[in-house]
Amino acid sequence: MDADRPEPWLSVGQMAARSGVPVSTLHFYEKRGLIASRRTPGNQRRYDRSMLRRVAVVRAAQSAGIPLTAVSRAFDELPQDSVPGTEDWLRLSEAWRTDIDRRLAHLQNLRDRLGGCISCGCLSLDECGFVNPGDRSGRAHSGADV
C-alpha cells in the first residue's frame, strides 16, 4: 500500500474517534442498516472510510429532527455498488428539505400563537392551534377539565 494513502478500512475504535460517536452508537447504526462493516478473520469490525460520510449524514439528519427510518429509506436510494457521489448526497438532502420547511412553518406558527394558547386555558377552542389544532379535543369533550 502507498505510504501516503490512508488505510481504506477503519476499526470500530478509529471509526468512533473520527466520527465523534460512541462505539455503541456505531453498533446501533449498523444494526439498523445505516452503516455496514465487514469482519476480519478474527471477527473484528472494519468499516470502509465511506461510512464516515454516512455517520455524518445520520447525525445531521438527527439534528434536523429527521427520524432514522427516513434516513434509512433515503440510504436505500443511494447506489449500493459504489460510494455515493455529491449528486447523490444533494438529492438526498433535497428530499428532506420539504419536510424541514413544513416543520419550520409549523414551529413558527406555534411560537407565534403560544402566548394566546397559554393564557386561554381551555385547550379545546378552535383558536388554540398550539395544543389542539383544529379543535380535536372540542369534538370529544368540552372545557379544560378533560
Protein backbone atom coordinates (compact mmCIF):
# COMPACT_ATOMS: atom_id res chain seq x y z
CA MET A 1 0.00 0.00 0.00
CA ASP A 2 1.11 3.55 -0.74
CA ALA A 3 2.54 5.17 2.41
CA ASP A 4 0.81 8.47 1.57
CA ARG A 5 -2.56 6.84 1.14
CA PRO A 6 -4.72 6.26 4.25
CA GLU A 7 -5.86 2.80 5.22
CA PRO A 8 -9.20 2.17 3.46
CA TRP A 9 -10.67 0.21 6.37
CA LEU A 10 -11.18 1.59 9.86
CA SER A 11 -11.56 -0.31 13.11
CA VAL A 12 -14.61 0.44 15.22
CA GLY A 13 -12.42 2.49 17.59
CA GLN A 14 -10.98 4.50 14.70
CA MET A 15 -14.45 4.98 13.29
CA ALA A 16 -15.73 6.22 16.66
CA ALA A 17 -12.80 8.62 17.06
CA ARG A 18 -13.14 10.01 13.51
CA SER A 19 -16.94 10.31 13.54
CA GLY A 20 -17.31 11.58 17.10
CA VAL A 21 -19.91 8.99 18.07
CA PRO A 22 -19.52 6.23 20.65
CA VAL A 23 -18.82 2.66 19.59
CA SER A 24 -22.25 1.65 20.90
CA THR A 25 -23.86 4.16 18.53
CA LEU A 26 -21.93 2.72 15.60
CA HIS A 27 -23.16 -0.74 16.55
CA PHE A 28 -26.72 0.63 16.76
CA TYR A 29 -26.45 2.31 13.34
CA GLU A 30 -25.10 -0.92 11.89
CA LYS A 31 -27.91 -2.95 13.41
CA ARG A 32 -30.41 -0.51 11.83
CA GLY A 33 -28.68 -0.90 8.44
CA LEU A 34 -27.49 2.72 8.30
CA ILE A 35 -23.84 1.71 8.02
CA ALA A 36 -22.10 -1.54 7.18
CA SER A 37 -18.89 -3.26 8.14
CA ARG A 38 -17.01 -6.33 7.14
CA ARG A 39 -15.40 -8.77 9.55
CA THR A 40 -11.75 -9.68 9.81
CA PRO A 41 -10.70 -13.32 10.23
CA GLY A 42 -10.60 -12.51 13.96
CA ASN A 43 -14.26 -11.33 13.76
CA GLN A 44 -13.41 -7.65 14.30
CA ARG A 45 -15.44 -4.99 12.53
CA ARG A 46 -13.82 -2.97 9.76
CA TYR A 47 -15.57 -0.01 8.18
CA ASP A 48 -14.90 1.40 4.75
CA ARG A 49 -13.91 5.06 5.05
CA SER A 50 -17.08 5.98 3.12
CA MET A 51 -19.08 5.01 6.22
CA LEU A 52 -17.77 8.20 7.87
CA ARG A 53 -19.91 10.21 5.46
CA ARG A 54 -22.96 8.11 6.28
CA VAL A 55 -22.46 8.66 10.01
CA ALA A 56 -22.12 12.41 9.41
CA VAL A 57 -25.36 12.40 7.39
CA VAL A 58 -27.17 10.43 10.11
CA ARG A 59 -26.01 12.89 12.78
CA ALA A 60 -27.00 15.91 10.66
CA ALA A 61 -30.39 14.35 9.94
CA GLN A 62 -30.98 13.63 13.62
CA SER A 63 -30.06 17.23 14.46
CA ALA A 64 -32.70 18.36 11.97
CA GLY A 65 -35.28 16.07 13.57
CA ILE A 66 -35.39 13.59 10.71
CA PRO A 67 -36.29 10.11 12.01
CA LEU A 68 -33.85 7.25 11.49
CA THR A 69 -36.49 5.42 9.47
CA ALA A 70 -36.47 8.29 6.96
CA VAL A 71 -32.67 8.23 6.89
CA SER A 72 -32.73 4.50 6.26
CA ARG A 73 -35.22 4.89 3.39
CA ALA A 74 -33.06 7.63 1.87
CA PHE A 75 -29.94 5.47 2.17
CA ASP A 76 -31.81 2.69 0.33
CA GLU A 77 -31.94 5.06 -2.66
CA LEU A 78 -28.15 5.51 -2.71
CA PRO A 79 -26.01 3.40 -5.03
CA GLN A 80 -25.11 0.08 -3.41
CA ASP A 81 -22.31 -0.81 -5.80
CA SER A 82 -20.23 2.35 -5.34
CA VAL A 83 -19.51 5.20 -2.97
CA PRO A 84 -22.27 7.83 -3.24
CA GLY A 85 -21.20 11.00 -5.02
CA THR A 86 -22.01 14.64 -4.47
CA GLU A 87 -25.11 14.42 -6.66
CA ASP A 88 -26.42 11.51 -4.58
CA TRP A 89 -25.99 13.42 -1.32
CA LEU A 90 -27.59 16.56 -2.78
CA ARG A 91 -30.60 14.55 -3.97
CA LEU A 92 -30.92 13.01 -0.51
CA SER A 93 -30.81 16.38 1.26
CA GLU A 94 -33.29 17.93 -1.19
CA ALA A 95 -35.78 15.19 -0.35
CA TRP A 96 -35.63 16.26 3.31
CA ARG A 97 -35.91 19.98 2.57
CA THR A 98 -39.70 19.89 2.11
CA ASP A 99 -40.21 18.12 5.43
CA ILE A 100 -37.87 20.51 7.25
CA ASP A 101 -39.62 23.54 5.69
CA ARG A 102 -43.02 22.15 6.75
CA ARG A 103 -41.83 21.59 10.31
CA LEU A 104 -40.25 25.07 10.44
CA ALA A 105 -43.52 26.67 9.35
CA HIS A 106 -45.39 24.64 11.98
CA LEU A 107 -42.93 25.66 14.72
CA GLN A 108 -43.13 29.33 13.71
CA ASN A 109 -46.92 29.14 13.89
CA LEU A 110 -46.73 27.53 17.33
CA ARG A 111 -44.25 30.17 18.51
CA ASP A 112 -46.49 32.98 17.31
CA ARG A 113 -49.59 31.52 18.97
CA LEU A 114 -48.04 30.22 22.20
CA GLY A 115 -48.92 33.21 24.40
CA GLY A 116 -52.56 33.20 23.38
CA CYS A 117 -52.88 29.49 23.96
CA ILE A 118 -51.30 29.54 27.39
CA SER A 119 -53.46 32.45 28.55
CA CYS A 120 -56.61 30.82 27.11
CA GLY A 121 -56.59 27.81 29.42
CA CYS A 122 -59.39 25.91 27.70
CA LEU A 123 -57.32 23.58 25.49
CA SER A 124 -60.33 22.95 23.28
CA LEU A 125 -61.12 26.22 21.48
CA ASP A 126 -60.84 26.23 17.73
CA GLU A 127 -58.36 29.11 18.06
CA CYS A 128 -55.98 27.03 20.18
CA GLY A 129 -53.59 25.87 17.49
CA PHE A 130 -50.80 25.06 19.89
CA VAL A 131 -52.04 22.01 21.77
CA ASN A 132 -55.31 21.37 19.99
CA PRO A 133 -55.09 22.23 16.30
CA GLY A 134 -58.46 22.04 14.59
CA ASP A 135 -60.20 21.71 17.98
CA ARG A 136 -59.80 17.92 18.08
CA SER A 137 -60.49 17.85 21.82
CA GLY A 138 -63.59 20.01 21.47
CA ARG A 139 -65.24 17.38 19.30
CA ALA A 140 -64.95 14.81 22.09
CA HIS A 141 -65.11 16.97 25.27
CA SER A 142 -65.75 20.50 26.39
CA GLY A 143 -63.51 22.70 28.51
CA ALA A 144 -60.18 22.12 30.18
CA ASP A 145 -61.46 19.51 32.62
CA VAL A 146 -60.99 16.75 30.06
